[in-house]
């Protein structure tokens, strides 16, 4: 069966959507739903490619580190969810006190 395609809101290209039969992608979707809620998770599932979703954990880790958030606390979702929405659907929110690494 051919992969479902979406016009990816993050990457601006038509790319394969999340595949709920793929254990890794299904786990990513559940994590997104836990953090952002069902409505945001469904928007991501319907309008963001699997490739873009795969890039979220690295960005989320940066947010967690910069805000010094305990990812197991319910309060952390209130900080992470807006960053998730802006990461996928708009301008990325500025991370307070973030200093990019030198060199590269």
Protein backbone atom coordinates (compact mmCIF):
# COMPACT_ATOMS: atom_id res chain seq x y z
CA UNK A 1 0.00 0.00 0.00
CA UNK A 2 1.31 3.44 -0.92
CA UNK A 3 2.17 5.81 1.89
CA UNK A 4 -0.32 8.60 2.56
CA UNK A 5 1.12 11.90 1.37
CA UNK A 6 0.66 15.31 3.01
CA UNK A 7 1.64 18.84 2.08
CA UNK A 8 4.00 19.28 5.02
CA UNK A 9 3.36 22.51 6.91
CA UNK A 10 6.92 22.42 8.28
CA UNK A 11 8.93 21.55 5.16
CA UNK A 12 6.62 22.96 2.45
CA UNK A 13 6.77 19.80 0.33
CA UNK A 14 4.49 16.88 -0.38
CA UNK A 15 5.97 14.06 1.68
CA UNK A 16 4.87 10.82 3.36
CA UNK A 17 2.65 11.33 6.41
CA UNK A 18 3.03 9.56 9.72
CA UNK A 19 2.30 5.86 9.36
CA UNK A 20 0.39 4.61 12.39
CA UNK A 21 1.38 1.03 11.45
CA UNK A 22 5.04 1.96 11.94
CA UNK A 23 5.86 1.43 15.64
CA UNK A 24 8.35 4.32 15.81
CA UNK A 25 6.02 6.78 14.11
CA UNK A 26 3.06 5.62 16.16
CA UNK A 27 5.12 6.20 19.33
CA UNK A 28 6.06 9.71 18.10
CA UNK A 29 2.37 10.48 17.53
CA UNK A 30 1.44 9.29 21.04
CA UNK A 31 4.20 11.47 22.54
CA UNK A 32 2.93 14.48 20.58
CA UNK A 33 -0.64 13.78 21.71
CA UNK A 34 0.47 13.51 25.34
CA UNK A 35 2.29 16.85 25.19
CA UNK A 36 0.09 18.90 22.87
CA UNK A 37 -3.32 17.29 23.25
CA UNK A 38 -5.52 15.47 20.76
CA UNK A 39 -6.37 18.50 18.60
CA UNK A 40 -2.74 19.52 17.99
CA UNK A 41 -1.72 15.89 17.49
CA UNK A 42 -4.40 15.42 14.83
CA UNK A 43 -3.35 18.64 13.06
CA UNK A 44 0.22 17.33 13.00
CA UNK A 45 -0.85 13.87 11.81
CA UNK A 46 -2.92 15.41 8.99
CA UNK A 47 -0.54 18.17 7.91
CA UNK A 48 3.04 17.37 8.85
CA UNK A 49 5.32 14.78 7.26
CA UNK A 50 6.95 11.89 9.08
CA UNK A 51 10.30 13.46 8.21
CA UNK A 52 9.40 16.71 9.98
CA UNK A 53 7.96 14.87 12.98
CA UNK A 54 11.24 12.96 13.27
CA UNK A 55 13.07 16.29 13.71
CA UNK A 56 10.91 17.34 16.69
CA UNK A 57 12.64 15.33 19.49
CA UNK A 58 15.94 17.19 19.00
CA UNK A 59 14.19 20.55 19.17
CA UNK A 60 12.13 19.45 22.17
CA UNK A 61 15.32 18.40 23.98
CA UNK A 62 16.75 21.86 23.37
CA UNK A 63 13.60 23.44 24.82
CA UNK A 64 13.73 21.14 27.85
CA UNK A 65 17.37 21.99 28.47
CA UNK A 66 17.06 25.73 27.96
CA UNK A 67 14.04 26.03 30.25
CA UNK A 68 15.46 23.43 32.65
CA UNK A 69 12.16 21.58 32.55
CA UNK A 70 11.42 18.25 34.18
CA UNK A 71 9.79 16.38 31.28
CA UNK A 72 7.82 14.18 33.67
CA UNK A 73 5.92 17.10 35.21
CA UNK A 74 2.51 18.06 33.87
CA UNK A 75 3.62 21.70 34.00
CA UNK A 76 6.26 21.01 31.34
CA UNK A 77 3.57 20.44 28.70
CA UNK A 78 2.35 24.02 29.16
CA UNK A 79 5.80 25.21 28.07
CA UNK A 80 6.54 22.59 25.42
CA UNK A 81 3.16 22.55 23.60
CA UNK A 82 3.37 26.15 22.29
CA UNK A 83 6.92 25.45 21.08
CA UNK A 84 5.67 22.33 19.34
CA UNK A 85 2.88 24.19 17.57
CA UNK A 86 5.18 26.96 16.41
CA UNK A 87 7.85 24.43 15.37
CA UNK A 88 5.45 22.68 13.00
CA UNK A 89 3.06 25.45 11.92
CA UNK A 90 4.68 28.84 12.23
CA UNK A 91 7.65 30.83 13.27
CA UNK A 92 9.56 29.05 15.94
CA UNK A 93 9.16 30.62 19.33
CA UNK A 94 12.24 32.26 20.72
CA UNK A 95 13.78 30.27 23.51
CA UNK A 96 14.62 32.58 26.40
CA UNK A 97 18.34 32.74 27.19
CA UNK A 98 19.27 30.40 24.31
CA UNK A 99 22.84 30.90 23.15
CA UNK A 100 23.76 28.90 20.03
CA UNK A 101 26.94 26.84 20.31
CA UNK A 102 30.08 28.45 18.98
CA UNK A 103 31.78 27.00 15.92
CA UNK A 104 30.07 24.35 14.02
